[in-house]
Amino acid sequence: MDEKLLDKVKKLLRLAERTNNEGEAAAAAGAAQRLIERHRLDVASLDLSEAREAPAEAPEQAVLDGAEGRRNRCAWRGSLASGVARANACRVYWTGPRLQIVGAPSDTATVRYLYAYLVREIDRLAETKSGGKAWVHAWRMGAVATVSQRLREARESVRREARAEAQASGAGGAAIVRVNAGIARIERAESAVEAVMAAMKLRKGKPAAVRAWGAYEQGRADGANIRIAAGAALGAGASGRING
C-alpha cells in the first residue's frame, strides 16, 4: 500500500475508534474502503504510454497469518482472510494452521494491514459476547460474512462510480476507455494470481460448520457496524487446502 494512502486510512480509523457511535464508525470504515479501491483504480487507469513504462507486478507468496500459538486452523480467520484477499485481487490458502497469501506485493500489503485490523476488531467485539465457544464461533463467522460482503460491494460501487464520472466528464470516450482499461489491468493481475493458485493444484477445503444459527445471524447484524479499512499458505505443498 502507498505510504500516503496508508496514512490517510490510519487517520480515518483513528477517528472511528474515538467514537462509540456505530453509525459514525461504519461511515468512517466505508470511506477508508472506498479510498483504497479508488486509489487502485486510478493507478491502473494510467495512459497506455505510462502503463508500458510500469509493468505489472508479478504475484508473490508470503505468510499472512503465522498461527502463533495455534495448532489447528482457525475457520473464521480463514474466511476473513479469503474475503479481504478477494476484494484486493489476492488469494489465500492453508498450510497446516498457517495462512499464505498470493498476490501483487502492493496488494498483499493492503490485505495484511486490513486483515490484521479486522482480526483485532472482531476479537474485541467477541470479548463482549457471553455465549459458549460454539456460539461465539458462529457469531464470528456471521460477522465475517457481512464484512466480506461489504468489501465486495464497496469494490463494485467504486468501479460503477468511476465509469459514471468518466461518462459525465465531457472528455469524450477517452475517459471511459481509461477507466475500462484500468479495470482490465486489475482483472489481468487477478488472473495471474489465479494462475499461480491453479499451478499449485490445491484441494478445496470444506466450508466451516455453523451450529448456532441465531449467533450467526447476530454476527451478521453486528458485522454491519465493524469498522472496515479496506478499498480492503505454504509448507503443505500440493496437499494444502484452498480457503475460499
Protein backbone atom coordinates (compact mmCIF):
# COMPACT_ATOMS: atom_id res chain seq x y z
CA MET A 1 0.00 0.00 0.00
CA ASP A 2 1.24 3.50 -0.84
CA GLU A 3 2.57 5.21 2.32
CA LYS A 4 0.49 8.37 1.83
CA LEU A 5 -2.61 6.27 1.29
CA LEU A 6 -1.84 4.18 4.38
CA ASP A 7 -1.54 7.36 6.46
CA LYS A 8 -4.97 8.50 5.27
CA VAL A 9 -6.51 5.13 6.10
CA LYS A 10 -4.95 5.15 9.57
CA LYS A 11 -6.33 8.63 10.23
CA LEU A 12 -9.83 7.51 9.25
CA LEU A 13 -9.56 4.53 11.58
CA ARG A 14 -8.29 6.64 14.47
CA LEU A 15 -11.27 8.95 14.07
CA ALA A 16 -13.62 5.96 14.06
CA GLU A 17 -12.01 4.47 17.16
CA ARG A 18 -12.65 7.66 19.14
CA THR A 19 -16.40 7.18 19.00
CA ASN A 20 -18.78 4.58 20.37
CA ASN A 21 -21.38 5.57 17.77
CA GLU A 22 -21.56 2.56 15.47
CA GLY A 23 -23.06 4.58 12.62
CA GLU A 24 -20.15 7.01 12.61
CA ALA A 25 -17.68 4.14 12.88
CA ALA A 26 -19.24 2.34 9.91
CA ALA A 27 -19.21 5.55 7.86
CA ALA A 28 -15.50 6.08 8.53
CA ALA A 29 -14.85 2.46 7.60
CA GLY A 30 -16.69 2.79 4.31
CA ALA A 31 -14.72 5.92 3.46
CA ALA A 32 -11.42 4.10 4.01
CA GLN A 33 -12.60 1.10 1.96
CA ARG A 34 -13.51 3.31 -0.97
CA LEU A 35 -10.27 5.27 -0.67
CA ILE A 36 -8.14 2.16 -1.20
CA GLU A 37 -10.20 0.82 -4.10
CA ARG A 38 -10.27 4.21 -5.86
CA HIS A 39 -6.52 4.54 -5.48
CA ARG A 40 -6.03 1.09 -7.03
CA LEU A 41 -8.25 2.00 -9.96
CA ASP A 42 -6.60 5.40 -10.50
CA VAL A 43 -3.14 3.81 -10.63
CA ALA A 44 -4.36 1.14 -13.03
CA SER A 45 -6.01 3.74 -15.30
CA LEU A 46 -2.78 5.44 -16.39
CA ASP A 47 -2.37 6.37 -20.05
CA LEU A 48 -1.15 3.46 -22.12
CA SER A 49 2.24 5.10 -22.66
CA GLU A 50 2.77 5.35 -18.90
CA ALA A 51 1.46 1.86 -18.33
CA ARG A 52 4.09 0.43 -20.67
CA GLU A 53 6.78 2.05 -18.52
CA ALA A 54 5.36 0.42 -15.38
CA PRO A 55 4.92 -3.33 -15.97
CA ALA A 56 2.51 -5.21 -13.77
CA GLU A 57 3.88 -6.60 -10.51
CA ALA A 58 4.49 -10.34 -10.50
CA PRO A 59 2.50 -12.24 -7.84
CA GLU A 60 4.37 -13.06 -4.64
CA GLN A 61 3.70 -15.69 -1.98
CA ALA A 62 4.06 -14.79 1.67
CA VAL A 63 2.75 -15.69 5.12
CA LEU A 64 -0.40 -13.78 6.03
CA ASP A 65 -1.14 -15.38 9.40
CA GLY A 66 1.62 -17.38 11.07
CA ALA A 67 -0.79 -19.02 13.54
CA GLU A 68 1.38 -18.10 16.53
CA GLY A 69 0.30 -20.26 19.46
CA ARG A 70 -2.28 -22.21 17.43
CA ARG A 71 -2.00 -25.83 16.31
CA ASN A 72 -5.26 -26.01 14.36
CA ARG A 73 -6.76 -23.96 11.56
CA CYS A 74 -8.97 -21.11 12.70
CA ALA A 75 -12.05 -21.21 10.45
CA TRP A 76 -13.23 -17.64 10.97
CA ARG A 77 -9.76 -16.25 10.32
CA GLY A 78 -9.56 -18.28 7.12
CA SER A 79 -12.92 -16.98 5.92
CA LEU A 80 -11.95 -13.41 6.81
CA ALA A 81 -8.60 -13.71 5.02
CA SER A 82 -10.33 -15.05 1.91
CA GLY A 83 -12.86 -12.21 1.88
CA VAL A 84 -10.25 -9.48 2.33
CA ALA A 85 -7.91 -11.07 -0.22
CA ARG A 86 -10.58 -11.46 -2.91
CA ALA A 87 -11.62 -7.82 -2.51
CA ASN A 88 -8.00 -6.82 -3.18
CA ALA A 89 -7.04 -9.06 -6.14
CA CYS A 90 -5.31 -11.68 -3.95
CA ARG A 91 -5.99 -15.24 -2.81
CA VAL A 92 -5.14 -17.22 0.33
CA TYR A 93 -4.60 -20.86 1.18
CA TRP A 94 -3.75 -23.01 4.19
CA THR A 95 -0.57 -24.84 5.11
CA GLY A 96 -1.28 -26.58 8.37
CA PRO A 97 -2.65 -23.89 10.73
CA ARG A 98 -0.97 -21.06 8.79
CA LEU A 99 -2.44 -18.86 6.07
CA GLN A 100 -0.42 -17.94 3.00
CA ILE A 101 -1.29 -15.10 0.62
CA VAL A 102 -0.69 -14.84 -3.14
CA GLY A 103 -0.86 -11.51 -4.97
CA ALA A 104 0.99 -8.47 -6.26
CA PRO A 105 3.22 -7.02 -3.49
CA SER A 106 1.26 -3.76 -3.27
CA ASP A 107 -2.00 -5.70 -2.94
CA THR A 108 -0.68 -8.19 -0.37
CA ALA A 109 0.48 -5.24 1.75
CA THR A 110 -3.06 -3.85 1.69
CA VAL A 111 -4.51 -7.24 2.66
CA ARG A 112 -2.04 -7.68 5.53
CA TYR A 113 -2.91 -4.33 7.03
CA LEU A 114 -6.68 -4.74 6.67
CA TYR A 115 -6.71 -8.37 7.81
CA ALA A 116 -4.73 -7.61 10.98
CA TYR A 117 -7.02 -4.70 11.78
CA LEU A 118 -10.21 -6.71 11.29
CA VAL A 119 -8.91 -9.64 13.36
CA ARG A 120 -8.34 -7.23 16.24
CA GLU A 121 -11.76 -5.65 15.78
CA ILE A 122 -13.64 -8.97 15.65
CA ASP A 123 -11.67 -10.24 18.66
CA ARG A 124 -12.56 -7.08 20.57
CA LEU A 125 -16.26 -7.42 19.85
CA ALA A 126 -16.25 -11.17 20.54
CA GLU A 127 -15.00 -10.49 24.06
CA THR A 128 -18.28 -8.69 24.78
CA LYS A 129 -20.33 -11.80 23.96
CA SER A 130 -21.49 -14.12 26.75
CA GLY A 131 -22.27 -17.29 24.76
CA GLY A 132 -20.29 -20.51 24.82
CA LYS A 133 -17.49 -21.48 22.45
CA ALA A 134 -19.79 -22.74 19.66
CA TRP A 135 -21.99 -19.65 19.96
CA VAL A 136 -19.05 -17.24 19.72
CA HIS A 137 -17.61 -19.20 16.79
CA ALA A 138 -20.91 -18.89 14.93
CA TRP A 139 -21.07 -15.18 15.79
CA ARG A 140 -17.58 -14.64 14.37
CA MET A 141 -18.49 -16.49 11.16
CA GLY A 142 -21.57 -14.31 10.74
CA ALA A 143 -19.59 -11.12 11.32
CA VAL A 144 -17.00 -12.24 8.75
CA ALA A 145 -19.74 -12.97 6.19
CA THR A 146 -21.08 -9.41 6.47
CA VAL A 147 -17.62 -7.83 6.38
CA SER A 148 -16.71 -9.80 3.25
CA GLN A 149 -19.97 -8.77 1.59
CA ARG A 150 -19.34 -5.10 2.36
CA LEU A 151 -15.85 -5.32 0.88
CA ARG A 152 -17.20 -6.80 -2.36
CA GLU A 153 -19.95 -4.19 -2.58
CA ALA A 154 -17.53 -1.30 -2.00
CA ARG A 155 -15.22 -2.56 -4.73
CA GLU A 156 -18.04 -2.78 -7.28
CA SER A 157 -19.52 0.55 -6.18
CA VAL A 158 -16.24 2.39 -6.81
CA ARG A 159 -15.98 0.89 -10.29
CA ARG A 160 -19.55 1.86 -11.19
CA GLU A 161 -19.00 5.40 -9.95
CA ALA A 162 -15.69 5.73 -11.82
CA ARG A 163 -17.42 4.76 -15.07
CA ALA A 164 -20.27 7.19 -14.40
CA GLU A 165 -17.84 10.02 -13.64
CA ALA A 166 -15.89 9.30 -16.83
CA GLN A 167 -19.06 9.40 -18.92
CA ALA A 168 -20.13 12.69 -17.33
CA SER A 169 -16.70 14.33 -17.54
CA GLY A 170 -17.14 15.78 -21.02
CA ALA A 171 -13.82 14.29 -22.05
CA GLY A 172 -15.43 12.12 -24.69
CA GLY A 173 -14.79 8.43 -24.98
CA ALA A 174 -11.17 8.70 -23.85
CA ALA A 175 -12.09 8.93 -20.17
CA ILE A 176 -14.26 5.82 -20.12
CA VAL A 177 -11.66 3.98 -22.18
CA ARG A 178 -9.05 4.76 -19.50
CA VAL A 179 -11.33 3.58 -16.70
CA ASN A 180 -12.18 0.36 -18.53
CA ALA A 181 -8.51 -0.20 -19.29
CA GLY A 182 -7.69 0.27 -15.61
CA ILE A 183 -10.31 -2.26 -14.55
CA ALA A 184 -8.98 -4.66 -17.19
CA ARG A 185 -5.44 -4.30 -15.79
CA ILE A 186 -6.69 -5.12 -12.29
CA GLU A 187 -8.53 -8.15 -13.64
CA ARG A 188 -5.41 -9.33 -15.51
CA ALA A 189 -3.42 -9.08 -12.29
CA GLU A 190 -6.09 -11.13 -10.56
CA SER A 191 -5.96 -13.71 -13.36
CA ALA A 192 -2.19 -14.00 -12.85
CA VAL A 193 -2.85 -14.77 -9.18
CA GLU A 194 -5.44 -17.39 -10.14
CA ALA A 195 -2.87 -18.99 -12.46
CA VAL A 196 -0.39 -19.31 -9.60
CA MET A 197 -3.06 -20.90 -7.45
CA ALA A 198 -4.08 -23.31 -10.21
CA ALA A 199 -0.47 -24.37 -10.77
CA MET A 200 -0.23 -25.49 -7.13
CA LYS A 201 -3.17 -27.91 -7.62
CA LEU A 202 -4.59 -27.22 -4.17
CA ARG A 203 -7.56 -29.12 -2.84
CA LYS A 204 -10.62 -27.08 -1.96
CA GLY A 205 -11.50 -27.31 1.72
CA LYS A 206 -14.96 -27.88 3.14
CA PRO A 207 -16.89 -24.86 4.49
CA ALA A 208 -16.70 -24.45 8.25
CA ALA A 209 -19.71 -25.87 10.10
CA VAL A 210 -22.02 -23.41 11.86
CA ARG A 211 -24.26 -24.94 14.54
CA ALA A 212 -25.68 -21.89 16.31
CA TRP A 213 -27.60 -20.09 13.57
CA GLY A 214 -29.04 -17.49 15.91
CA ALA A 215 -25.49 -16.48 16.83
CA TYR A 216 -24.51 -16.47 13.15
CA GLU A 217 -27.35 -14.08 12.28
CA GLN A 218 -26.43 -11.88 15.25
CA GLY A 219 -22.87 -11.82 13.96
CA ARG A 220 -24.09 -10.81 10.52
CA ALA A 221 -26.05 -7.93 12.04
CA ASP A 222 -23.14 -6.83 14.23
CA GLY A 223 -20.77 -7.12 11.27
CA ALA A 224 -22.52 -4.17 9.65
CA ASN A 225 -21.06 -1.97 12.40
CA ILE A 226 -17.48 -3.24 12.22
CA ARG A 227 -15.11 -0.52 11.10
CA ILE A 228 -13.56 -1.58 7.80
CA ALA A 229 -10.33 -0.05 6.49
CA ALA A 230 -10.07 -1.63 3.03
CA GLY A 231 -10.62 -0.30 -0.50
CA ALA A 232 -9.53 -3.84 1.52
CA ALA A 233 -0.22 -20.86 2.92
CA LEU A 234 2.69 -22.93 2.04
CA GLY A 235 4.57 -25.75 3.69
CA ALA A 236 1.95 -28.38 2.88
CA GLY A 237 2.83 -28.07 -0.80
CA ALA A 238 0.30 -29.55 -3.23
CA SER A 239 -1.57 -31.17 -0.35
CA GLY A 240 -2.64 -27.80 1.09
CA ARG A 241 -6.27 -26.67 1.03
CA ILE A 242 -7.66 -23.55 -0.55
CA ASN A 243 -9.68 -21.35 1.75
CA GLY A 244 -12.40 -19.68 -0.30
